[in-house]
Every structure is written in C-alpha cells, then in structure tokens.
Amino acid sequence: MSDKTFLRKTLLKKIKSIPLLSRHVKSRRILRKLSREPVFKRAEHVAFYYGIAPEVETKLFLRRVLKDKKIYLPRIDPEKSLTLCRVRSLSKDLKKGTYNIMEPKAFCEKRPVSQMDIIITPGVAFDKSGGRLGRGGGYYDRLFRKAGKVVKIGLCFREQIVKKVPMKAHDVRVDRVITD
C-alpha cells in the first residue's frame, strides 16, 4: 500500500468519525472565514465544489453566494478531466454525475479554469505548505495545471491537516488552506 493510499484511508476514516453536528458547525466556521478573505471578496468568477460527506459542507454557502458571484462547479468529462460550468441555481442546474457527485447539467455555460479569479477545492489531507491529497483520481491536479496563476484555496477540517502530504512531480499545491 502506498503512502498516499494509507494516508487517504486513515484520514477518511478519521473525518467520517466527526459527529454530523460538529461537521455542520465546523463547515459554517470554515466558510465564514473564506467569505472574509479579501481574494474571495474581490472574486467575480469562482470555481467551487459541491461538498459530499464527509467533506466541508458547501450547499448552503453556495446558495447564498450564487446571488453575488458567478459560481462554476466541476463536471467530469468522458476524458476524465474537469470542466468548469456556471451554475445559477442548485435546484435547476445540477444532476447526479460521476461518483454520485452533483455536477452541472450539459446546458450550463463552460469557462476555462485560467479565467477564474479563484478556485476553492476539497481534499482528503493538506499540509501547511499547500500539499494536497485528493481522492486519488488526479482530477484537480490536472485542472490546477491549466489554471496558471489563479489562486487555489483548499477547505478542510483541522483533523485533515497533516505534517507532510506525500507529493509527486505531477501533484500541484494549493496557495492557501482554510480550516476551522
């Protein structure tokens, strides 16, 4: 078993053990911190994610910021890459996609990642130098490589911060991590 696989299994088990009510409270705290970030306040085009358990819960926050920002969520394409598509309504523009994650429907407007002002990303583990461990598909690393200088911010619970994320040459760091 690789270091990444072991860390992924260990941390997923750890965050699944956080009581649901605590995850709600922690998620609100994390998203409140994000909303105060100057780079987020200035951003017009925001790449975000639709959180799935046990990730930081984003649904209520997304509903609120859809009024003020242009929000783009990822859709997994047949080539196994993420395409960012604008979402105007969580109830009308989303459907269950790959891995049962809510993603934009085909009619949603696409926008290149390099034209985002900020990218908000989930992860299984992060370290203080921006190392990120995802779920293992490399989707976000491939997206980040196309992002250029777009600011990348990871959201996670403090239980997901580790001393060092094992990184390979193709892995891309985030610029900042916000936790509870």
Protein backbone atom coordinates (compact mmCIF):
# COMPACT_ATOMS: atom_id res chain seq x y z
CA MET A 1 0.00 0.00 0.00
CA SER A 2 1.44 3.40 -0.98
CA ASP A 3 1.91 6.26 1.48
CA LYS A 4 -0.88 8.17 -0.28
CA THR A 5 -3.31 5.24 -0.13
CA PHE A 6 -2.59 4.66 3.56
CA LEU A 7 -2.95 8.37 4.41
CA ARG A 8 -6.17 8.63 2.37
CA LYS A 9 -7.74 5.61 4.12
CA THR A 10 -6.65 6.79 7.57
CA LEU A 11 -7.92 10.35 7.15
CA LEU A 12 -11.22 9.40 5.51
CA LYS A 13 -11.91 7.13 8.47
CA LYS A 14 -10.92 9.93 10.86
CA ILE A 15 -13.16 12.60 9.31
CA LYS A 16 -16.09 10.20 8.94
CA SER A 17 -15.90 9.78 12.73
CA ILE A 18 -16.52 13.52 13.29
CA PRO A 19 -20.14 13.75 14.51
CA LEU A 20 -22.52 15.18 11.91
CA LEU A 21 -23.48 18.18 14.06
CA SER A 22 -19.79 19.01 14.57
CA ARG A 23 -19.20 18.81 10.80
CA HIS A 24 -22.09 21.29 10.29
CA VAL A 25 -20.65 23.73 12.84
CA LYS A 26 -17.08 23.36 11.57
CA SER A 27 -18.22 23.80 7.94
CA ARG A 28 -20.01 27.05 8.76
CA ARG A 29 -16.91 28.32 10.58
CA ILE A 30 -14.63 27.47 7.63
CA LEU A 31 -16.94 29.09 5.08
CA ARG A 32 -17.32 32.20 7.23
CA LYS A 33 -13.50 32.51 7.20
CA LEU A 34 -13.48 32.06 3.42
CA SER A 35 -16.11 34.78 2.94
CA ARG A 36 -13.86 37.24 4.84
CA GLU A 37 -10.84 36.57 2.63
CA PRO A 38 -10.01 39.65 0.50
CA VAL A 39 -9.26 37.46 -2.55
CA PHE A 40 -12.70 35.84 -2.21
CA LYS A 41 -14.46 39.16 -1.65
CA ARG A 42 -12.91 40.57 -4.86
CA ALA A 43 -13.56 37.45 -6.94
CA GLU A 44 -16.26 37.55 -9.59
CA HIS A 45 -15.70 34.14 -11.25
CA VAL A 46 -15.34 31.44 -8.57
CA ALA A 47 -14.65 27.76 -9.19
CA PHE A 48 -16.15 25.87 -6.25
CA TYR A 49 -17.20 22.33 -5.41
CA TYR A 50 -20.42 20.71 -4.23
CA GLY A 51 -19.37 19.03 -0.98
CA ILE A 52 -20.12 15.37 -0.38
CA ALA A 53 -19.86 13.70 3.02
CA PRO A 54 -17.54 13.81 4.85
CA GLU A 55 -16.14 16.95 3.13
CA VAL A 56 -16.72 20.52 4.28
CA GLU A 57 -20.41 21.10 3.55
CA THR A 58 -20.87 23.76 0.87
CA LYS A 59 -24.51 23.57 -0.26
CA LEU A 60 -25.96 26.34 1.94
CA PHE A 61 -22.98 28.60 1.32
CA LEU A 62 -23.27 28.10 -2.44
CA ARG A 63 -26.95 29.03 -2.33
CA ARG A 64 -26.04 32.28 -0.61
CA VAL A 65 -23.10 33.30 -2.82
CA LEU A 66 -24.88 32.49 -6.09
CA LYS A 67 -26.59 35.86 -5.64
CA ASP A 68 -23.30 37.80 -5.62
CA LYS A 69 -20.78 35.75 -7.61
CA LYS A 70 -20.56 33.72 -10.80
CA ILE A 71 -20.12 30.19 -9.47
CA TYR A 72 -18.65 27.37 -11.57
CA LEU A 73 -18.77 23.76 -10.45
CA PRO A 74 -16.79 20.90 -11.98
CA ARG A 75 -18.28 18.33 -14.32
CA ILE A 76 -16.31 15.17 -15.11
CA ASP A 77 -15.95 14.73 -18.84
CA PRO A 78 -15.50 11.43 -20.72
CA GLU A 79 -11.75 12.19 -21.00
CA LYS A 80 -11.58 12.09 -17.18
CA SER A 81 -10.98 15.82 -16.86
CA LEU A 82 -12.91 18.51 -15.01
CA THR A 83 -14.80 21.15 -16.97
CA LEU A 84 -15.98 24.19 -15.02
CA CYS A 85 -19.59 25.14 -15.74
CA ARG A 86 -21.60 28.06 -14.44
CA VAL A 87 -24.38 27.26 -12.01
CA ARG A 88 -27.16 29.78 -11.46
CA SER A 89 -29.49 27.53 -9.45
CA LEU A 90 -28.59 24.49 -7.37
CA SER A 91 -32.05 23.01 -7.88
CA LYS A 92 -32.28 23.52 -11.67
CA ASP A 93 -28.71 23.31 -12.96
CA LEU A 94 -27.37 20.20 -11.19
CA LYS A 95 -27.73 16.45 -11.58
CA LYS A 96 -26.03 13.43 -10.05
CA GLY A 97 -22.93 12.71 -12.04
CA THR A 98 -19.88 10.52 -11.80
CA TYR A 99 -19.28 9.13 -8.30
CA ASN A 100 -22.80 10.39 -7.33
CA ILE A 101 -21.47 13.94 -7.00
CA MET A 102 -23.81 16.72 -8.02
CA GLU A 103 -22.50 18.38 -11.17
CA PRO A 104 -23.70 20.90 -13.75
CA LYS A 105 -26.04 19.76 -16.50
CA ALA A 106 -24.88 19.83 -20.13
CA PHE A 107 -26.57 23.18 -20.92
CA CYS A 108 -24.54 25.12 -18.34
CA GLU A 109 -22.04 27.66 -19.72
CA LYS A 110 -18.40 26.48 -19.66
CA ARG A 111 -15.48 28.69 -18.70
CA PRO A 112 -11.74 27.86 -18.81
CA VAL A 113 -10.08 27.45 -15.43
CA SER A 114 -7.47 30.03 -16.42
CA GLN A 115 -10.27 32.63 -16.48
CA MET A 116 -11.33 32.02 -12.87
CA ASP A 117 -10.49 34.52 -10.16
CA ILE A 118 -10.18 31.83 -7.50
CA ILE A 119 -10.54 28.05 -7.17
CA ILE A 120 -11.96 26.54 -3.99
CA THR A 121 -11.07 22.87 -3.66
CA PRO A 122 -11.79 19.93 -1.38
CA GLY A 123 -9.16 17.44 -0.31
CA VAL A 124 -8.63 14.49 1.98
CA ALA A 125 -5.46 15.94 3.52
CA PHE A 126 -3.46 19.16 3.38
CA ASP A 127 -0.19 20.30 4.89
CA LYS A 128 0.97 23.78 5.86
CA SER A 129 2.99 24.24 2.67
CA GLY A 130 -0.06 23.67 0.44
CA GLY A 131 0.42 19.97 -0.19
CA ARG A 132 -2.94 18.43 -1.10
CA LEU A 133 -4.09 14.82 -1.17
CA GLY A 134 -7.32 14.24 -3.07
CA ARG A 135 -9.39 11.11 -3.50
CA GLY A 136 -6.95 9.59 -5.96
CA GLY A 137 -8.18 10.37 -9.46
CA GLY A 138 -5.84 13.30 -10.16
CA TYR A 139 -8.77 15.40 -11.46
CA TYR A 140 -7.89 18.54 -9.51
CA ASP A 141 -4.15 18.25 -10.21
CA ARG A 142 -4.91 18.21 -13.95
CA LEU A 143 -7.27 21.17 -13.52
CA PHE A 144 -4.72 23.12 -11.44
CA ARG A 145 -2.02 22.66 -14.09
CA LYS A 146 -4.25 24.57 -16.55
CA ALA A 147 -5.06 27.30 -14.01
CA GLY A 148 -1.95 29.40 -14.36
CA LYS A 149 -1.73 31.95 -11.56
CA VAL A 150 -5.35 31.53 -10.37
CA VAL A 151 -5.41 31.41 -6.55
CA LYS A 152 -6.19 27.94 -5.23
CA ILE A 153 -7.68 27.59 -1.73
CA GLY A 154 -8.28 24.26 -0.01
CA LEU A 155 -11.04 23.82 2.56
CA CYS A 156 -10.80 21.19 5.27
CA PHE A 157 -11.40 20.33 8.90
CA ARG A 158 -8.41 20.72 11.19
CA GLU A 159 -8.34 16.91 11.55
CA GLN A 160 -7.25 16.81 7.89
CA ILE A 161 -4.07 18.83 8.40
CA VAL A 162 -1.01 16.59 8.41
CA LYS A 163 2.67 17.26 8.88
CA LYS A 164 3.53 16.41 5.25
CA VAL A 165 1.44 15.24 2.32
CA PRO A 166 3.40 12.82 0.10
CA MET A 167 3.79 14.72 -3.18
CA LYS A 168 4.89 13.51 -6.61
CA ALA A 169 6.08 15.63 -9.54
CA HIS A 170 2.58 15.82 -11.07
CA ASP A 171 0.89 16.93 -7.81
CA VAL A 172 0.01 20.63 -7.54
CA ARG A 173 -0.01 22.59 -4.29
CA VAL A 174 -2.74 24.99 -3.23
CA ASP A 175 -1.86 28.55 -2.30
CA ARG A 176 -3.75 28.54 0.97
CA VAL A 177 -5.72 26.23 3.28
CA ILE A 178 -8.65 27.35 5.40
CA THR A 179 -9.70 25.21 8.31
CA ASP A 180 -11.77 25.52 11.46
